[in-house]
Protein backbone atom coordinates (compact mmCIF):
# COMPACT_ATOMS: atom_id res chain seq x y z
CA MET A 1 53.34 -29.66 -18.12
CA LYS A 2 53.05 -26.19 -16.54
CA LEU A 3 50.45 -23.67 -17.63
CA LYS A 4 51.74 -20.24 -18.31
CA PRO A 5 50.86 -17.66 -15.61
CA LYS A 6 48.94 -15.50 -18.11
CA LEU A 7 46.76 -18.46 -19.12
CA ILE A 8 46.04 -19.25 -15.46
CA ILE A 9 45.00 -15.64 -14.87
CA ILE A 10 42.76 -15.63 -17.95
CA LEU A 11 41.07 -18.92 -17.04
CA SER A 12 40.63 -17.85 -13.41
CA SER A 13 39.11 -14.54 -14.50
CA ILE A 14 36.66 -16.29 -16.82
CA PHE A 15 35.75 -18.73 -14.06
CA PHE A 16 35.02 -16.06 -11.45
CA LEU A 17 33.26 -13.85 -13.98
CA THR A 18 30.96 -16.76 -14.82
CA LEU A 19 30.15 -17.26 -11.15
CA LEU A 20 29.46 -13.56 -10.63
CA LEU A 21 27.15 -13.51 -13.65
CA ASP A 22 25.41 -16.57 -12.27
CA PHE A 23 24.91 -14.75 -8.95
CA TYR A 24 23.56 -11.59 -10.58
CA LEU A 25 21.40 -13.25 -13.26
CA GLY A 26 20.14 -15.86 -10.80
CA ASN A 27 18.86 -13.17 -8.43
CA LEU A 28 17.41 -11.15 -11.32
CA TYR A 29 15.66 -14.13 -12.92
CA PHE A 30 14.28 -15.36 -9.60
CA GLU A 31 12.92 -11.90 -8.74
CA LYS A 32 11.19 -11.60 -12.14
CA TYR A 33 9.74 -15.10 -11.82
CA PHE A 34 8.54 -14.39 -8.27
CA ARG A 35 6.78 -11.18 -9.39
CA PHE A 36 5.14 -12.90 -12.34
CA ALA A 37 3.92 -15.78 -10.13
CA LYS A 38 2.75 -13.37 -7.42
CA ILE A 39 0.68 -11.29 -9.84
CA LYS A 40 -0.95 -14.43 -11.27
CA SER A 41 -1.75 -15.52 -7.72
CA LEU A 42 -3.30 -12.14 -6.86
CA GLU A 43 -5.54 -12.35 -9.93
CA LYS A 44 -7.25 -15.49 -8.58
CA ILE A 45 -10.17 -13.85 -6.76
CA ASP A 46 -12.40 -16.47 -5.16
CA PHE A 47 -14.09 -14.56 -2.34
CA ILE A 48 -16.98 -13.22 -4.44
CA SER A 49 -19.46 -15.58 -6.07
CA ASN A 50 -22.98 -15.03 -7.42
CA GLY A 51 -23.01 -11.46 -6.13
CA LYS A 52 -22.16 -12.50 -2.55
CA LEU A 53 -19.05 -11.88 -0.47
CA ASN A 54 -17.54 -14.82 1.40
CA SER A 55 -15.84 -13.28 4.45
CA ASP A 56 -13.90 -16.45 5.34
CA LYS A 57 -12.42 -16.70 1.85
CA LEU A 58 -11.61 -12.99 1.88
CA THR A 59 -9.70 -13.40 5.17
CA GLU A 60 -7.86 -16.42 3.76
CA TYR A 61 -7.00 -14.50 0.56
CA LYS A 62 -5.51 -11.61 2.53
CA PHE A 63 -3.53 -13.91 4.81
CA SER A 64 -2.20 -16.34 2.21
CA LYS A 65 -1.20 -13.65 -0.28
CA SER A 66 -0.07 -10.97 2.23
CA ALA A 67 -2.20 -8.50 0.29
CA ASP A 68 -4.69 -5.86 1.31
CA VAL A 69 -8.17 -5.84 -0.23
CA ILE A 70 -10.54 -2.87 -0.26
CA LEU A 71 -14.14 -3.35 -1.39
CA LEU A 72 -16.52 -0.66 -2.57
CA ASN A 73 -20.11 -0.70 -3.71
CA LYS A 74 -19.76 -0.20 -7.46
CA TYR A 75 -22.92 1.87 -7.71
CA THR A 76 -22.46 4.18 -4.72
CA ASN A 77 -18.62 4.23 -4.41
CA LYS A 78 -18.97 3.62 -0.67
CA PHE A 79 -16.59 1.35 1.22
CA ILE A 80 -18.04 -2.01 2.23
CA LYS A 81 -15.92 -2.13 5.41
CA GLN A 82 -15.27 1.46 6.37
CA SER A 83 -14.06 0.23 9.78
CA ASP A 84 -10.85 -1.08 8.14
CA PHE A 85 -9.67 2.54 8.01
CA THR A 86 -8.80 4.86 10.87
CA TYR A 87 -11.22 7.74 10.50
CA PHE A 88 -13.24 10.30 12.40
CA ILE A 89 -16.29 12.40 11.54
CA LEU A 90 -15.81 16.15 11.34
CA LYS A 91 -18.95 18.21 11.89
CA ASN A 92 -19.52 21.83 10.90
CA LYS A 93 -22.59 23.93 10.10
CA GLN A 94 -22.83 22.62 6.53
CA GLN A 95 -22.35 18.87 6.90
CA LYS A 96 -20.58 15.91 8.42
CA ASN A 97 -17.43 14.67 6.66
CA ILE A 98 -15.77 11.29 6.98
CA VAL A 99 -12.04 11.99 7.38
CA PHE A 100 -9.49 9.18 7.02
CA LEU A 101 -6.05 9.61 8.54
CA SER A 102 -3.07 9.59 6.16
CA PRO A 103 -0.56 6.71 6.61
CA TYR A 104 1.86 8.76 8.73
CA ILE A 105 -0.80 10.39 10.94
CA ASN A 106 -2.45 7.00 11.37
CA LYS A 107 0.84 5.46 12.52
CA VAL A 108 1.37 8.24 15.08
CA PHE A 109 -2.23 7.85 16.25
CA LEU A 110 -1.88 4.07 16.68
CA GLN A 111 1.27 4.69 18.74
CA ASN A 112 -0.81 6.93 21.05
CA LYS A 113 1.35 9.97 20.26
CA PHE A 114 -1.55 11.95 18.84
CA SER A 115 -5.19 12.06 19.87
CA LEU A 116 -8.50 13.64 18.88
CA ASN A 117 -11.23 14.12 21.46
CA LYS A 118 -14.95 14.48 20.92
CA ASN A 119 -16.15 18.09 20.46
CA GLU A 120 -12.55 19.26 20.02
CA LYS A 121 -12.23 22.09 17.48
CA VAL A 122 -9.82 21.35 14.64
CA ILE A 123 -8.70 22.66 11.25
CA VAL A 124 -8.12 19.92 8.70
CA LYS A 125 -6.24 20.09 5.40
CA ALA A 126 -7.30 17.11 3.35
CA ILE A 127 -7.47 15.45 -0.04
CA LYS A 128 -10.93 14.73 -1.41
CA ILE A 129 -11.23 11.09 -2.47
CA PHE A 130 -14.85 10.80 -3.61
CA ASN A 131 -18.34 11.34 -2.22
CA ASN A 132 -17.77 12.91 1.20
CA TYR A 133 -14.61 10.87 1.91
CA LEU A 134 -11.48 12.87 2.72
CA MET A 135 -7.92 11.96 3.68
CA ALA A 136 -6.39 14.32 6.24
CA TYR A 137 -2.71 15.03 5.80
CA GLU A 138 -2.60 17.96 8.26
CA ILE A 139 -4.62 18.43 11.44
CA GLU A 140 -4.34 21.54 13.57
CA LYS A 141 -5.86 21.90 17.01
CA LYS A 142 -5.41 24.24 19.95
CA ASP A 143 -2.10 22.97 21.26
CA GLU A 144 -0.49 21.07 18.35
CA THR A 145 -0.30 20.46 14.61
CA ILE A 146 0.50 17.19 12.92
CA LYS A 147 1.37 16.90 9.22
CA ASP A 148 2.26 14.12 6.80
CA PHE A 149 5.27 15.53 4.94
CA ASP A 150 5.47 12.46 2.67
CA ILE A 151 2.50 13.73 0.65
CA ASN A 152 3.41 16.39 -1.92
CA LEU A 153 0.40 17.90 -3.62
CA ASN A 154 -0.65 20.71 -5.85
CA LYS A 155 -2.50 23.26 -3.71
CA SER A 156 -5.54 23.00 -5.98
CA LYS A 157 -6.15 19.45 -4.71
CA ILE A 158 -6.29 20.50 -1.06
CA VAL A 159 -9.52 21.09 0.85
CA THR A 160 -9.42 23.03 4.13
CA LEU A 161 -12.20 22.39 6.65
CA SER A 162 -12.85 23.47 10.21
CA GLY A 163 -15.29 22.11 12.74
CA GLU A 164 -15.67 19.86 15.74
CA VAL A 165 -14.73 16.22 16.14
CA TYR A 166 -18.13 14.48 16.08
CA THR A 167 -16.78 10.94 16.60
CA THR A 168 -13.29 10.08 17.82
CA PRO A 169 -11.10 7.96 15.50
CA ASN A 170 -11.47 4.20 15.61
CA LYS A 171 -8.30 2.13 15.39
CA GLY A 172 -8.51 0.55 11.94
CA LEU A 173 -5.96 -1.50 10.04
CA GLU A 174 -2.63 0.19 9.35
CA THR A 175 -2.40 -1.49 5.93
CA ALA A 176 -5.79 -0.05 4.90
CA ASN A 177 -4.59 3.48 5.53
CA GLU A 178 -1.34 2.77 3.65
CA PHE A 179 -3.54 1.95 0.66
CA LEU A 180 -4.85 5.54 0.72
CA GLU A 181 -1.32 6.80 0.05
CA LEU A 182 -1.85 6.11 -3.65
CA TYR A 183 -5.08 8.12 -3.93
CA PRO A 184 -3.43 11.50 -4.62
CA TYR A 185 -1.50 10.09 -7.57
CA LEU A 186 -3.71 7.49 -9.25
CA ASP A 187 -7.28 6.88 -10.31
CA LEU A 188 -7.88 3.84 -8.15
CA THR A 189 -11.45 3.37 -9.37
CA ALA A 190 -10.35 2.54 -12.95
CA VAL A 191 -10.03 -1.12 -13.96
CA GLN A 192 -6.29 -1.88 -14.04
CA ASN A 193 -3.51 -4.31 -13.21
CA ARG A 194 -0.25 -2.43 -12.92
CA SER A 195 3.06 -2.21 -11.10
CA ILE A 196 3.83 1.09 -9.38
CA GLU A 197 7.11 2.46 -8.05
CA LEU A 198 7.00 5.52 -5.80
CA LYS A 199 9.73 8.12 -5.49
CA ASP A 200 11.15 6.39 -2.39
CA LYS A 201 11.64 3.19 -4.49
CA ARG A 202 8.80 1.27 -2.84
CA LYS A 203 7.08 -1.01 -5.34
CA PHE A 204 3.44 -2.07 -5.40
CA GLN A 205 1.09 -4.13 -7.49
CA LEU A 206 -2.36 -2.60 -7.89
CA ILE A 207 -5.28 -4.61 -9.23
CA THR A 208 -8.74 -3.08 -9.52
CA THR A 209 -11.66 -4.87 -11.09
CA ASP A 210 -15.46 -4.97 -11.05
CA ILE A 211 -17.19 -8.16 -9.91
CA ASP A 212 -20.97 -8.10 -9.70
CA ARG A 213 -21.91 -5.17 -7.42
CA PHE A 214 -18.41 -4.92 -5.96
CA LYS A 215 -15.44 -2.84 -6.97
CA VAL A 216 -12.40 -4.80 -5.80
CA LEU A 217 -9.10 -3.03 -5.11
CA ILE A 218 -6.12 -5.27 -4.36
CA PHE A 219 -2.93 -3.75 -3.06
CA TYR A 220 0.33 -5.70 -2.66
CA LYS A 221 3.62 -4.22 -1.47
CA PHE A 222 6.65 -5.95 -3.00
CA LYS A 223 9.59 -6.67 -0.73
CA PRO A 224 13.16 -7.37 -1.91
CA VAL A 225 13.39 -11.06 -2.76
CA ASN A 226 16.30 -11.54 -0.35
CA GLU A 227 14.05 -10.41 2.50
CA ILE A 228 11.39 -12.91 1.51
CA PHE A 229 13.84 -15.75 0.83
CA PRO A 230 16.99 -15.01 2.89
CA MET A 231 18.48 -18.40 1.94
CA LEU A 232 18.50 -17.41 -1.74
CA LYS A 233 21.37 -14.96 -1.29
CA LEU A 234 23.25 -17.49 0.86
CA TYR A 235 22.80 -20.15 -1.84
CA PHE A 236 24.36 -18.00 -4.58
CA SER A 237 27.11 -16.79 -2.23
CA MET A 238 28.07 -20.36 -1.33
CA LYS A 239 27.96 -21.30 -4.99
CA ILE A 240 30.56 -18.61 -5.72
């Protein structure tokens, strides 16, 4: 018995539509599940116990979860490991300021395309973080100017300083300086556990909490699930 052509077309359409929905919903469900599981994993902080920091467990946490962790003294708001950041000290007649490099300037510096020498006179436009910490997004010196155009700020939030380079920048962790990118837009010292999406569609999970004398700031950058599990897309494609 022959099926009518219209019935074949209808059944074929339903069949392929079902497969396409399976492909789309499968990806969507897996991505939501992965995010949920990842956030639960990030919440399991085991590197601080009885007021003490276990450096080995902190290193293992960062490695196993592909997350960045910044620690501050809760009472002084000073970074526990300032050396994680790329920074220099700017000296003028009034004081010495600790100046972190913005993510873009840090990347250029690490690629040896920009340098700062001791006693070199510079003009710095920066964002005040807290205490005497600043994040430079524009540095002008005698022969060149470098600026991070990814940071858009209200002029009232900008501090302009001039002086001499008192210490040349150390080469810190690139991920630590990426963490500073959120400072102009969020209160990172508040206790929170939230997902953030920037204008360029990058997505982050930010967890900040107080444990004993430490303020813990955890920063995880989400990647598209297909980049993390390339076989996932292949699986659904082969299924179709």
